[in-house]
Amino acid sequence: MAETLKKGSRVTGAARDKLAADLKKKYDSGASIRALAEETGRSYGFVHRMLSESGVNLRGRGGATRGKKAASA
C-alpha cells in the first residue's frame, strides 16, 4: 500500500474493504500489526480492529514467555 492515509481520516465503503483486504494479506504473510500501522500511518488499535473485523486469527505475542523452564539434561 504505497499511499498512506491522512491520519485520523475516516475510511469507509470500498476504500475500507480494500484496506482491510490489504492489511489481512500482509498480516497473513507475516507482517506485524505495528509494522502495518507504521506503513499506513494509522494507529496500532486501528489496524488491530481492522484485522479483527476481517476475521483474521491474530497471532500471540512474541518474545519471552513465562512458563516452566525446559529441563536441562
N, C-alpha and C. Protein backbone atom coordinates (compact mmCIF):
# COMPACT_ATOMS: atom_id res chain seq x y z
N MET A 1 0.86 -1.16 0.00
CA MET A 1 0.00 0.00 0.00
C MET A 1 0.90 1.22 0.00
N ALA A 2 1.06 1.81 -1.13
CA ALA A 2 2.01 2.91 -1.29
C ALA A 2 1.50 4.19 -0.63
N GLU A 3 0.20 4.44 -0.81
CA GLU A 3 -0.31 5.70 -0.28
C GLU A 3 -0.63 5.55 1.19
N THR A 4 -0.20 6.52 1.99
CA THR A 4 -0.56 6.49 3.39
C THR A 4 -1.80 7.34 3.54
N LEU A 5 -2.66 6.94 4.42
CA LEU A 5 -3.91 7.66 4.62
C LEU A 5 -3.66 8.84 5.54
N LYS A 6 -4.43 9.88 5.34
CA LYS A 6 -4.30 11.04 6.20
C LYS A 6 -4.68 10.61 7.62
N LYS A 7 -3.81 10.89 8.57
CA LYS A 7 -4.03 10.44 9.94
C LYS A 7 -5.36 10.95 10.47
N GLY A 8 -6.15 10.04 10.97
CA GLY A 8 -7.43 10.41 11.54
C GLY A 8 -8.56 10.51 10.53
N SER A 9 -8.24 10.37 9.24
CA SER A 9 -9.31 10.45 8.24
C SER A 9 -10.18 9.21 8.32
N ARG A 10 -11.44 9.38 8.07
CA ARG A 10 -12.39 8.27 8.15
C ARG A 10 -12.27 7.43 6.89
N VAL A 11 -12.23 6.12 7.08
CA VAL A 11 -12.14 5.21 5.95
C VAL A 11 -13.44 4.43 5.89
N THR A 12 -14.18 4.58 4.78
CA THR A 12 -15.49 3.94 4.69
C THR A 12 -15.66 3.25 3.33
N GLY A 13 -16.68 2.44 3.25
CA GLY A 13 -17.08 1.83 1.99
C GLY A 13 -16.02 0.96 1.35
N ALA A 14 -15.88 1.14 0.03
CA ALA A 14 -14.96 0.31 -0.76
C ALA A 14 -13.52 0.52 -0.33
N ALA A 15 -13.16 1.75 0.05
CA ALA A 15 -11.78 2.03 0.49
C ALA A 15 -11.47 1.25 1.76
N ARG A 16 -12.44 1.15 2.66
CA ARG A 16 -12.24 0.40 3.90
C ARG A 16 -12.08 -1.09 3.60
N ASP A 17 -12.91 -1.60 2.70
CA ASP A 17 -12.83 -3.01 2.32
C ASP A 17 -11.48 -3.33 1.70
N LYS A 18 -11.00 -2.44 0.83
CA LYS A 18 -9.71 -2.65 0.18
C LYS A 18 -8.58 -2.60 1.20
N LEU A 19 -8.64 -1.63 2.11
CA LEU A 19 -7.62 -1.51 3.14
C LEU A 19 -7.61 -2.76 4.02
N ALA A 20 -8.79 -3.23 4.41
CA ALA A 20 -8.89 -4.42 5.26
C ALA A 20 -8.29 -5.63 4.54
N ALA A 21 -8.57 -5.77 3.26
CA ALA A 21 -8.05 -6.90 2.48
C ALA A 21 -6.52 -6.82 2.37
N ASP A 22 -5.99 -5.61 2.14
CA ASP A 22 -4.54 -5.42 2.05
C ASP A 22 -3.87 -5.75 3.38
N LEU A 23 -4.45 -5.24 4.48
CA LEU A 23 -3.88 -5.49 5.80
C LEU A 23 -3.90 -6.98 6.12
N LYS A 24 -5.02 -7.63 5.80
CA LYS A 24 -5.15 -9.06 6.07
C LYS A 24 -4.10 -9.86 5.30
N LYS A 25 -3.91 -9.53 4.03
CA LYS A 25 -2.94 -10.25 3.20
C LYS A 25 -1.52 -10.08 3.76
N LYS A 26 -1.17 -8.85 4.12
CA LYS A 26 0.17 -8.59 4.64
C LYS A 26 0.37 -9.23 6.01
N TYR A 27 -0.66 -9.19 6.86
CA TYR A 27 -0.56 -9.80 8.19
C TYR A 27 -0.40 -11.31 8.06
N ASP A 28 -1.17 -11.91 7.17
CA ASP A 28 -1.07 -13.36 6.94
C ASP A 28 0.29 -13.74 6.36
N SER A 29 0.95 -12.78 5.70
CA SER A 29 2.28 -13.04 5.14
C SER A 29 3.38 -12.85 6.17
N GLY A 30 3.00 -12.43 7.38
CA GLY A 30 3.99 -12.33 8.45
C GLY A 30 4.27 -10.94 8.97
N ALA A 31 3.67 -9.91 8.39
CA ALA A 31 3.90 -8.55 8.87
C ALA A 31 3.25 -8.37 10.25
N SER A 32 3.89 -7.58 11.10
CA SER A 32 3.34 -7.33 12.43
C SER A 32 2.30 -6.21 12.37
N ILE A 33 1.46 -6.16 13.39
CA ILE A 33 0.47 -5.09 13.46
C ILE A 33 1.18 -3.74 13.55
N ARG A 34 2.25 -3.68 14.34
CA ARG A 34 3.00 -2.42 14.48
C ARG A 34 3.58 -1.97 13.14
N ALA A 35 4.13 -2.92 12.38
CA ALA A 35 4.70 -2.58 11.07
C ALA A 35 3.61 -2.08 10.13
N LEU A 36 2.46 -2.72 10.15
CA LEU A 36 1.35 -2.29 9.30
C LEU A 36 0.84 -0.91 9.70
N ALA A 37 0.80 -0.65 11.01
CA ALA A 37 0.35 0.65 11.49
C ALA A 37 1.30 1.74 11.02
N GLU A 38 2.59 1.47 11.12
CA GLU A 38 3.58 2.46 10.69
C GLU A 38 3.49 2.69 9.18
N GLU A 39 3.33 1.62 8.44
CA GLU A 39 3.27 1.70 6.97
C GLU A 39 2.06 2.50 6.50
N THR A 40 0.92 2.33 7.18
CA THR A 40 -0.30 3.00 6.75
C THR A 40 -0.50 4.36 7.40
N GLY A 41 0.31 4.65 8.44
CA GLY A 41 0.13 5.92 9.14
C GLY A 41 -1.07 5.91 10.07
N ARG A 42 -1.54 4.73 10.42
CA ARG A 42 -2.67 4.60 11.33
C ARG A 42 -2.18 4.08 12.67
N SER A 43 -3.05 4.07 13.66
CA SER A 43 -2.66 3.61 14.99
C SER A 43 -2.68 2.09 15.05
N TYR A 44 -1.98 1.56 16.06
CA TYR A 44 -1.97 0.12 16.32
C TYR A 44 -3.41 -0.37 16.51
N GLY A 45 -4.18 0.38 17.31
CA GLY A 45 -5.57 0.00 17.59
C GLY A 45 -6.43 -0.06 16.35
N PHE A 46 -6.23 0.89 15.43
CA PHE A 46 -7.00 0.92 14.19
C PHE A 46 -6.72 -0.34 13.37
N VAL A 47 -5.41 -0.66 13.22
CA VAL A 47 -5.03 -1.82 12.42
C VAL A 47 -5.54 -3.10 13.09
N HIS A 48 -5.40 -3.18 14.40
CA HIS A 48 -5.89 -4.35 15.16
C HIS A 48 -7.38 -4.54 14.93
N ARG A 49 -8.14 -3.45 15.00
CA ARG A 49 -9.59 -3.51 14.81
C ARG A 49 -9.94 -3.93 13.38
N MET A 50 -9.23 -3.39 12.40
CA MET A 50 -9.49 -3.75 11.01
C MET A 50 -9.24 -5.25 10.78
N LEU A 51 -8.15 -5.76 11.35
CA LEU A 51 -7.85 -7.18 11.20
C LEU A 51 -8.91 -8.03 11.88
N SER A 52 -9.32 -7.63 13.06
CA SER A 52 -10.34 -8.38 13.79
C SER A 52 -11.66 -8.40 13.01
N GLU A 53 -12.02 -7.25 12.44
CA GLU A 53 -13.26 -7.17 11.64
C GLU A 53 -13.17 -8.03 10.39
N SER A 54 -11.93 -8.26 9.91
CA SER A 54 -11.74 -9.07 8.70
C SER A 54 -11.74 -10.56 9.00
N GLY A 55 -11.84 -10.91 10.28
CA GLY A 55 -11.88 -12.31 10.66
C GLY A 55 -10.52 -12.98 10.71
N VAL A 56 -9.46 -12.20 10.86
CA VAL A 56 -8.11 -12.74 10.92
C VAL A 56 -7.88 -13.38 12.29
N ASN A 57 -7.22 -14.54 12.30
CA ASN A 57 -6.78 -15.13 13.56
C ASN A 57 -5.50 -14.43 13.96
N LEU A 58 -5.57 -13.60 14.98
CA LEU A 58 -4.41 -12.83 15.40
C LEU A 58 -3.39 -13.74 16.09
N ARG A 59 -2.13 -13.50 15.78
CA ARG A 59 -1.05 -14.29 16.39
C ARG A 59 -0.87 -13.87 17.84
N GLY A 60 -0.31 -14.78 18.63
CA GLY A 60 0.00 -14.46 20.02
C GLY A 60 1.20 -13.54 20.08
N ARG A 61 1.44 -13.00 21.24
CA ARG A 61 2.58 -12.11 21.43
C ARG A 61 3.87 -12.89 21.30
N GLY A 62 4.89 -12.24 20.80
CA GLY A 62 6.20 -12.88 20.68
C GLY A 62 7.03 -12.62 21.92
N GLY A 63 8.29 -12.93 21.83
CA GLY A 63 9.19 -12.64 22.94
C GLY A 63 9.18 -13.72 24.00
N ALA A 64 9.80 -13.40 25.12
CA ALA A 64 9.94 -14.37 26.20
C ALA A 64 8.57 -14.68 26.80
N THR A 65 8.39 -15.91 27.16
CA THR A 65 7.14 -16.31 27.80
C THR A 65 7.44 -16.81 29.20
N ARG A 66 6.48 -16.67 30.06
CA ARG A 66 6.65 -17.17 31.42
C ARG A 66 6.01 -18.54 31.48
N GLY A 67 6.74 -19.48 31.91
CA GLY A 67 6.20 -20.82 32.00
C GLY A 67 7.26 -21.72 32.57
N LYS A 68 7.02 -23.00 32.49
CA LYS A 68 8.00 -23.93 33.01
C LYS A 68 9.27 -23.87 32.18
N LYS A 69 10.39 -23.83 32.86
CA LYS A 69 11.68 -23.81 32.16
C LYS A 69 11.96 -25.19 31.65
N ALA A 70 12.62 -25.26 30.52
CA ALA A 70 12.98 -26.56 29.94
C ALA A 70 13.94 -27.27 30.88
N ALA A 71 13.69 -28.53 31.08
CA ALA A 71 14.57 -29.30 31.96
C ALA A 71 15.93 -29.48 31.31
N SER A 72 16.97 -29.14 32.03
CA SER A 72 18.31 -29.30 31.47
C SER A 72 18.83 -30.69 31.80
N ALA A 73 19.37 -31.33 30.79
CA ALA A 73 19.79 -32.71 30.99
C ALA A 73 21.27 -32.83 31.18
